[in-house]
Amino acid sequence: MLDYAQARQLMVDCQLRTFDVNDVGVLDAFATVPRERFVQPGAEDFAYIDRTLRLSSGGEAARSMPAPMVLARMIQALKIRPGARVLDVAAGYGYGTALLAELKARAVALESDLGLAQVARERLGQTAEVIAGPLGEGAAAQGPYDAILVQGRVETRPQALLDQLRDDGRLVCVLGQDRGAKVTLFVRAGDAFGARPLFDANLPALTDFAAAHGFAF
């Protein structure tokens, strides 16, 4: 049987530390939260491999768990402080939310798939609030947010989510189409939003944030 604690530490040492993850709090969170609890049943032994894991491939609710080094750098870019209000969009089974809670954030998980949302509630317990609802609408009633994590690829600027940030709040997502996608950090400054690409990455597209495609002849 795989030693999950050992696999978790190897993930931190061999994947995260070598991919410019140097925030001690983020490293400690990844070393603490049992990733194997948040994968599909039967996939526990694959929890710590260096790749994206599919959680659901059902139509509009395609969900995945980003590779550890991608998710870690996304969370690191948010600069989470204890007590921060953070929204996890497309939360899946709740792994990202659990990491945010381990960082002492007041985490809210948003998931549009009712089945995934129910599993997230069971696996997160009392550590975070789970909301079932459209991803594109965010969760304004629980905001405003200091940070928003989007665990999926968005083809268009997620303006409705950006509007739910506090001033100086941060949103990180995978933005773009196919191989041109990049992890992108948005920072709010009053009514303006700065955007900065961080590194190349790709995740399954979230249909709530799909670009409008015209006809081609």
C-alpha atoms as a PDB file:
ATOM      1  CA  MET A   1       0.000   0.000   0.000  1.00  0.00           C
ATOM      2  CA  LEU A   2       1.259   3.460  -0.898  1.00  0.00           C
ATOM      3  CA  ASP A   3       2.533   5.558   1.989  1.00  0.00           C
ATOM      4  CA  TYR A   4       0.486   8.699   1.357  1.00  0.00           C
ATOM      5  CA  ALA A   5       2.330  10.808   3.918  1.00  0.00           C
ATOM      6  CA  GLN A   6       5.629  10.010   2.242  1.00  0.00           C
ATOM      7  CA  ALA A   7       4.155  10.641  -1.217  1.00  0.00           C
ATOM      8  CA  ARG A   8       2.826  13.982  -0.007  1.00  0.00           C
ATOM      9  CA  GLN A   9       6.232  15.086   1.218  1.00  0.00           C
ATOM     10  CA  LEU A  10       7.875  13.959  -2.019  1.00  0.00           C
ATOM     11  CA  MET A  11       5.315  16.033  -3.913  1.00  0.00           C
ATOM     12  CA  VAL A  12       6.313  19.093  -1.914  1.00  0.00           C
ATOM     13  CA  ASP A  13      10.057  18.503  -2.214  1.00  0.00           C
ATOM     14  CA  CYS A  14      10.282  17.301  -5.825  1.00  0.00           C
ATOM     15  CA  GLN A  15       7.393  19.085  -7.542  1.00  0.00           C
ATOM     16  CA  LEU A  16       6.586  22.278  -5.677  1.00  0.00           C
ATOM     17  CA  ARG A  17       9.976  23.463  -4.442  1.00  0.00           C
ATOM     18  CA  THR A  18      11.482  22.914  -7.895  1.00  0.00           C
ATOM     19  CA  PHE A  19       8.726  24.956  -9.587  1.00  0.00           C
ATOM     20  CA  ASP A  20       9.297  28.252  -7.783  1.00  0.00           C
ATOM     21  CA  VAL A  21       6.886  27.564  -4.935  1.00  0.00           C
ATOM     22  CA  ASN A  22       8.677  29.155  -1.987  1.00  0.00           C
ATOM     23  CA  ASP A  23       5.884  30.451   0.248  1.00  0.00           C
ATOM     24  CA  VAL A  24       6.299  28.532   3.512  1.00  0.00           C
ATOM     25  CA  GLY A  25       2.586  28.626   4.303  1.00  0.00           C
ATOM     26  CA  VAL A  26       1.657  27.222   0.893  1.00  0.00           C
ATOM     27  CA  LEU A  27       4.270  24.466   1.167  1.00  0.00           C
ATOM     28  CA  ASP A  28       3.040  23.555   4.647  1.00  0.00           C
ATOM     29  CA  ALA A  29      -0.580  23.448   3.454  1.00  0.00           C
ATOM     30  CA  PHE A  30       0.285  21.058   0.610  1.00  0.00           C
ATOM     31  CA  ALA A  31       2.299  18.931   3.037  1.00  0.00           C
ATOM     32  CA  THR A  32      -0.662  18.762   5.429  1.00  0.00           C
ATOM     33  CA  VAL A  33      -3.869  18.361   3.396  1.00  0.00           C
ATOM     34  CA  PRO A  34      -4.363  14.735   2.267  1.00  0.00           C
ATOM     35  CA  ARG A  35      -4.784  15.072  -1.501  1.00  0.00           C
ATOM     36  CA  GLU A  36      -5.865  11.445  -1.777  1.00  0.00           C
ATOM     37  CA  ARG A  37      -9.130  12.305   0.016  1.00  0.00           C
ATOM     38  CA  PHE A  38     -10.212  14.596  -2.817  1.00  0.00           C
ATOM     39  CA  VAL A  39      -9.785  12.404  -5.900  1.00  0.00           C
ATOM     40  CA  GLN A  40     -12.260   9.991  -7.462  1.00  0.00           C
ATOM     41  CA  PRO A  41     -12.719   6.707  -5.572  1.00  0.00           C
ATOM     42  CA  GLY A  42     -10.115   4.226  -6.751  1.00  0.00           C
ATOM     43  CA  ALA A  43      -7.694   6.931  -7.896  1.00  0.00           C
ATOM     44  CA  GLU A  44      -6.029   7.511  -4.529  1.00  0.00           C
ATOM     45  CA  ASP A  45      -2.701   6.014  -5.620  1.00  0.00           C
ATOM     46  CA  PHE A  46      -2.519   8.589  -8.436  1.00  0.00           C
ATOM     47  CA  ALA A  47      -3.177  11.576  -6.162  1.00  0.00           C
ATOM     48  CA  TYR A  48       0.435  12.735  -6.010  1.00  0.00           C
ATOM     49  CA  ILE A  49       1.535  12.357  -9.617  1.00  0.00           C
ATOM     50  CA  ASP A  50       2.622  15.421 -11.527  1.00  0.00           C
ATOM     51  CA  ARG A  51      -0.396  15.856 -13.784  1.00  0.00           C
ATOM     52  CA  THR A  52      -3.960  17.132 -13.902  1.00  0.00           C
ATOM     53  CA  LEU A  53      -6.491  14.585 -12.618  1.00  0.00           C
ATOM     54  CA  ARG A  54      -9.964  14.438 -14.115  1.00  0.00           C
ATOM     55  CA  LEU A  55     -12.776  14.504 -11.566  1.00  0.00           C
ATOM     56  CA  SER A  56     -15.756  14.627 -13.898  1.00  0.00           C
ATOM     57  CA  SER A  57     -16.056  14.595 -17.684  1.00  0.00           C
ATOM     58  CA  GLY A  58     -19.805  14.965 -17.839  1.00  0.00           C
ATOM     59  CA  GLY A  59     -20.785  17.592 -20.402  1.00  0.00           C
ATOM     60  CA  GLU A  60     -20.872  21.120 -19.053  1.00  0.00           C
ATOM     61  CA  ALA A  61     -19.555  20.075 -15.646  1.00  0.00           C
ATOM     62  CA  ALA A  62     -16.124  18.874 -16.741  1.00  0.00           C
ATOM     63  CA  ARG A  63     -13.907  19.269 -13.685  1.00  0.00           C
ATOM     64  CA  SER A  64     -10.312  18.491 -12.911  1.00  0.00           C
ATOM     65  CA  MET A  65      -7.794  18.776 -10.122  1.00  0.00           C
ATOM     66  CA  PRO A  66      -4.835  20.855 -11.386  1.00  0.00           C
ATOM     67  CA  ALA A  67      -1.381  19.336 -11.176  1.00  0.00           C
ATOM     68  CA  PRO A  68       0.119  20.102  -7.738  1.00  0.00           C
ATOM     69  CA  MET A  69       2.768  22.501  -9.022  1.00  0.00           C
ATOM     70  CA  VAL A  70       0.214  24.475 -11.055  1.00  0.00           C
ATOM     71  CA  LEU A  71      -2.281  24.750  -8.207  1.00  0.00           C
ATOM     72  CA  ALA A  72       0.445  25.655  -5.721  1.00  0.00           C
ATOM     73  CA  ARG A  73       1.730  28.532  -7.837  1.00  0.00           C
ATOM     74  CA  MET A  74      -1.811  29.753  -8.432  1.00  0.00           C
ATOM     75  CA  ILE A  75      -2.522  29.833  -4.703  1.00  0.00           C
ATOM     76  CA  GLN A  76       0.877  31.382  -3.978  1.00  0.00           C
ATOM     77  CA  ALA A  77       0.035  34.235  -6.383  1.00  0.00           C
ATOM     78  CA  LEU A  78      -3.055  35.070  -4.332  1.00  0.00           C
ATOM     79  CA  LYS A  79      -0.928  35.930  -1.273  1.00  0.00           C
ATOM     80  CA  ILE A  80      -3.478  34.571   1.195  1.00  0.00           C
ATOM     81  CA  ARG A  81      -3.420  36.061   4.679  1.00  0.00           C
ATOM     82  CA  PRO A  82      -5.122  34.605   7.763  1.00  0.00           C
ATOM     83  CA  GLY A  83      -8.752  35.673   7.877  1.00  0.00           C
ATOM     84  CA  ALA A  84      -8.920  36.511   4.156  1.00  0.00           C
ATOM     85  CA  ARG A  85     -12.253  35.879   2.460  1.00  0.00           C
ATOM     86  CA  VAL A  86     -11.543  33.590  -0.515  1.00  0.00           C
ATOM     87  CA  LEU A  87     -13.791  32.075  -3.193  1.00  0.00           C
ATOM     88  CA  ASP A  88     -12.845  28.791  -4.881  1.00  0.00           C
ATOM     89  CA  VAL A  89     -14.646  28.592  -8.248  1.00  0.00           C
ATOM     90  CA  ALA A  90     -15.182  25.164  -9.873  1.00  0.00           C
ATOM     91  CA  ALA A  91     -14.170  23.609  -6.578  1.00  0.00           C
ATOM     92  CA  GLY A  92     -14.776  19.999  -7.608  1.00  0.00           C
ATOM     93  CA  TYR A  93     -14.372  17.755  -4.571  1.00  0.00           C
ATOM     94  CA  GLY A  94     -12.918  20.621  -2.532  1.00  0.00           C
ATOM     95  CA  TYR A  95      -9.158  20.075  -2.498  1.00  0.00           C
ATOM     96  CA  GLY A  96      -8.299  23.674  -3.355  1.00  0.00           C
ATOM     97  CA  THR A  97     -10.797  24.870  -0.762  1.00  0.00           C
ATOM     98  CA  ALA A  98      -9.197  22.643   1.870  1.00  0.00           C
ATOM     99  CA  LEU A  99      -5.791  24.156   1.076  1.00  0.00           C
ATOM    100  CA  LEU A 100      -7.206  27.679   1.401  1.00  0.00           C
ATOM    101  CA  ALA A 101      -8.766  26.758   4.741  1.00  0.00           C
ATOM    102  CA  GLU A 102      -5.414  25.324   5.882  1.00  0.00           C
ATOM    103  CA  LEU A 103      -3.968  28.773   5.131  1.00  0.00           C
ATOM    104  CA  LYS A 104      -6.504  30.133   7.656  1.00  0.00           C
ATOM    105  CA  ALA A 105      -8.667  31.734   4.977  1.00  0.00           C
ATOM    106  CA  ARG A 106     -12.429  31.981   5.306  1.00  0.00           C
ATOM    107  CA  ALA A 107     -12.996  29.825   2.258  1.00  0.00           C
ATOM    108  CA  VAL A 108     -16.148  29.483   0.167  1.00  0.00           C
ATOM    109  CA  ALA A 109     -16.390  26.723  -2.455  1.00  0.00           C
ATOM    110  CA  LEU A 110     -18.570  27.329  -5.521  1.00  0.00           C
ATOM    111  CA  GLU A 111     -19.596  24.354  -7.646  1.00  0.00           C
ATOM    112  CA  SER A 112     -22.360  24.208 -10.253  1.00  0.00           C
ATOM    113  CA  ASP A 113     -22.553  20.409 -10.363  1.00  0.00           C
ATOM    114  CA  LEU A 114     -24.861  19.283  -7.550  1.00  0.00           C
ATOM    115  CA  GLY A 115     -23.188  15.890  -7.190  1.00  0.00           C
ATOM    116  CA  LEU A 116     -19.712  17.368  -6.912  1.00  0.00           C
ATOM    117  CA  ALA A 117     -20.964  20.003  -4.474  1.00  0.00           C
ATOM    118  CA  GLN A 118     -22.419  17.308  -2.227  1.00  0.00           C
ATOM    119  CA  VAL A 119     -19.162  15.350  -2.226  1.00  0.00           C
ATOM    120  CA  ALA A 120     -17.264  18.562  -1.417  1.00  0.00           C
ATOM    121  CA  ARG A 121     -19.559  19.172   1.572  1.00  0.00           C
ATOM    122  CA  GLU A 122     -18.894  15.672   2.859  1.00  0.00           C
ATOM    123  CA  ARG A 123     -15.131  15.876   2.433  1.00  0.00           C
ATOM    124  CA  LEU A 124     -14.704  19.430   3.717  1.00  0.00           C
ATOM    125  CA  GLY A 125     -17.007  19.068   6.712  1.00  0.00           C
ATOM    126  CA  GLN A 126     -17.088  22.253   8.770  1.00  0.00           C
ATOM    127  CA  THR A 127     -13.889  23.724   7.349  1.00  0.00           C
ATOM    128  CA  ALA A 128     -15.573  25.705   4.552  1.00  0.00           C
ATOM    129  CA  GLU A 129     -18.928  26.730   3.125  1.00  0.00           C
ATOM    130  CA  VAL A 130     -19.978  25.007  -0.109  1.00  0.00           C
ATOM    131  CA  ILE A 131     -22.412  26.717  -2.483  1.00  0.00           C
ATOM    132  CA  ALA A 132     -24.085  25.047  -5.464  1.00  0.00           C
ATOM    133  CA  GLY A 133     -24.748  27.547  -8.221  1.00  0.00           C
ATOM    134  CA  PRO A 134     -23.703  28.899 -11.633  1.00  0.00           C
ATOM    135  CA  LEU A 135     -19.968  29.531 -11.789  1.00  0.00           C
ATOM    136  CA  GLY A 136     -20.312  32.608 -13.972  1.00  0.00           C
ATOM    137  CA  GLU A 137     -22.362  34.402 -11.332  1.00  0.00           C
ATOM    138  CA  GLY A 138     -19.903  33.858  -8.507  1.00  0.00           C
ATOM    139  CA  ALA A 139     -21.219  34.092  -4.946  1.00  0.00           C
ATOM    140  CA  ALA A 140     -21.743  37.787  -4.316  1.00  0.00           C
ATOM    141  CA  ALA A 141     -23.757  37.291  -1.130  1.00  0.00           C
ATOM    142  CA  GLN A 142     -20.722  35.801   0.614  1.00  0.00           C
ATOM    143  CA  GLY A 143     -18.335  38.484  -0.711  1.00  0.00           C
ATOM    144  CA  PRO A 144     -16.609  40.737  -1.304  1.00  0.00           C
ATOM    145  CA  TYR A 145     -13.490  38.625  -1.543  1.00  0.00           C
ATOM    146  CA  ASP A 146      -9.841  39.247  -0.878  1.00  0.00           C
ATOM    147  CA  ALA A 147      -8.972  36.537  -3.372  1.00  0.00           C
ATOM    148  CA  ILE A 148     -10.636  34.270  -5.937  1.00  0.00           C
ATOM    149  CA  LEU A 149      -9.219  30.999  -7.255  1.00  0.00           C
ATOM    150  CA  VAL A 150     -10.670  29.641 -10.514  1.00  0.00           C
ATOM    151  CA  GLN A 151      -9.873  25.952 -11.028  1.00  0.00           C
ATOM    152  CA  GLY A 152     -10.502  25.704 -14.737  1.00  0.00           C
ATOM    153  CA  ARG A 153      -9.760  27.458 -18.008  1.00  0.00           C
ATOM    154  CA  VAL A 154     -11.688  30.599 -18.885  1.00  0.00           C
ATOM    155  CA  GLU A 155     -11.743  31.866 -22.451  1.00  0.00           C
ATOM    156  CA  THR A 156     -13.037  35.319 -21.569  1.00  0.00           C
ATOM    157  CA  ARG A 157     -12.293  37.831 -18.838  1.00  0.00           C
ATOM    158  CA  PRO A 158     -14.360  36.710 -15.785  1.00  0.00           C
ATOM    159  CA  GLN A 159     -15.798  40.161 -15.121  1.00  0.00           C
ATOM    160  CA  ALA A 160     -18.620  39.062 -12.813  1.00  0.00           C
ATOM    161  CA  LEU A 161     -16.053  37.424 -10.550  1.00  0.00           C
ATOM    162  CA  LEU A 162     -13.680  40.366 -10.724  1.00  0.00           C
ATOM    163  CA  ASP A 163     -16.491  42.658  -9.607  1.00  0.00           C
ATOM    164  CA  GLN A 164     -16.779  40.609  -6.409  1.00  0.00           C
ATOM    165  CA  LEU A 165     -13.205  41.402  -5.338  1.00  0.00           C
ATOM    166  CA  ARG A 166     -12.342  43.959  -2.692  1.00  0.00           C
ATOM    167  CA  ASP A 167     -10.063  46.817  -3.649  1.00  0.00           C
ATOM    168  CA  ASP A 168      -6.556  45.326  -3.998  1.00  0.00           C
ATOM    169  CA  GLY A 169      -8.156  41.864  -4.237  1.00  0.00           C
ATOM    170  CA  ARG A 170      -6.602  39.178  -6.454  1.00  0.00           C
ATOM    171  CA  LEU A 171      -8.043  36.632  -8.875  1.00  0.00           C
ATOM    172  CA  VAL A 172      -6.033  33.882 -10.502  1.00  0.00           C
ATOM    173  CA  CYS A 173      -7.220  31.694 -13.366  1.00  0.00           C
ATOM    174  CA  VAL A 174      -6.067  29.908 -16.509  1.00  0.00           C
ATOM    175  CA  LEU A 175      -6.992  32.337 -19.284  1.00  0.00           C
ATOM    176  CA  GLY A 176      -7.023  31.691 -23.021  1.00  0.00           C
ATOM    177  CA  GLN A 177      -7.737  29.022 -25.573  1.00  0.00           C
ATOM    178  CA  ASP A 178      -6.038  25.656 -25.883  1.00  0.00           C
ATOM    179  CA  ARG A 179      -2.221  25.808 -26.028  1.00  0.00           C
ATOM    180  CA  GLY A 180      -2.161  29.579 -25.759  1.00  0.00           C
ATOM    181  CA  ALA A 181      -3.613  29.522 -22.250  1.00  0.00           C
ATOM    182  CA  LYS A 182      -1.671  31.017 -19.356  1.00  0.00           C
ATOM    183  CA  VAL A 183      -2.168  31.274 -15.638  1.00  0.00           C
ATOM    184  CA  THR A 184      -3.114  34.930 -15.264  1.00  0.00           C
ATOM    185  CA  LEU A 185      -3.281  37.118 -12.181  1.00  0.00           C
ATOM    186  CA  PHE A 186      -5.786  39.974 -11.946  1.00  0.00           C
ATOM    187  CA  VAL A 187      -5.453  42.655  -9.253  1.00  0.00           C
ATOM    188  CA  ARG A 188      -8.199  45.166  -8.518  1.00  0.00           C
ATOM    189  CA  ALA A 189      -7.370  48.848  -8.049  1.00  0.00           C
ATOM    190  CA  GLY A 190     -10.597  50.758  -7.535  1.00  0.00           C
ATOM    191  CA  ASP A 191     -12.677  50.261 -10.680  1.00  0.00           C
ATOM    192  CA  ALA A 192      -9.672  49.107 -12.717  1.00  0.00           C
ATOM    193  CA  PHE A 193      -8.173  45.637 -13.023  1.00  0.00           C
ATOM    194  CA  GLY A 194      -4.566  44.939 -13.884  1.00  0.00           C
ATOM    195  CA  ALA A 195      -3.741  41.605 -15.499  1.00  0.00           C
ATOM    196  CA  ARG A 196      -0.408  39.795 -15.649  1.00  0.00           C
ATOM    197  CA  PRO A 197       0.322  36.390 -17.247  1.00  0.00           C
ATOM    198  CA  LEU A 198       2.409  34.202 -14.933  1.00  0.00           C
ATOM    199  CA  PHE A 199       3.179  30.942 -16.762  1.00  0.00           C
ATOM    200  CA  ASP A 200       1.828  28.535 -19.390  1.00  0.00           C
ATOM    201  CA  ALA A 201      -0.769  26.024 -18.216  1.00  0.00           C
ATOM    202  CA  ASN A 202      -3.926  24.373 -19.422  1.00  0.00           C
ATOM    203  CA  LEU A 203      -7.044  22.992 -17.780  1.00  0.00           C
ATOM    204  CA  PRO A 204     -10.422  21.840 -19.106  1.00  0.00           C
ATOM    205  CA  ALA A 205     -12.547  24.809 -20.198  1.00  0.00           C
ATOM    206  CA  LEU A 206     -15.374  26.054 -17.995  1.00  0.00           C
ATOM    207  CA  THR A 207     -18.423  26.550 -20.207  1.00  0.00           C
ATOM    208  CA  ASP A 208     -19.652  29.464 -18.066  1.00  0.00           C
ATOM    209  CA  PHE A 209     -16.685  31.468 -19.362  1.00  0.00           C
ATOM    210  CA  ALA A 210     -16.618  30.329 -23.000  1.00  0.00           C
ATOM    211  CA  ALA A 211     -15.865  32.823 -25.735  1.00  0.00           C
ATOM    212  CA  ALA A 212     -18.502  33.479 -28.370  1.00  0.00           C
ATOM    213  CA  HIS A 213     -17.471  31.815 -31.624  1.00  0.00           C
ATOM    214  CA  GLY A 214     -18.722  33.182 -34.910  1.00  0.00           C
ATOM    215  CA  PHE A 215     -19.232  31.373 -38.183  1.00  0.00           C
ATOM    216  CA  ALA A 216     -16.298  30.892 -40.505  1.00  0.00           C
ATOM    217  CA  PHE A 217     -16.577  30.364 -44.271  1.00  0.00           C
END
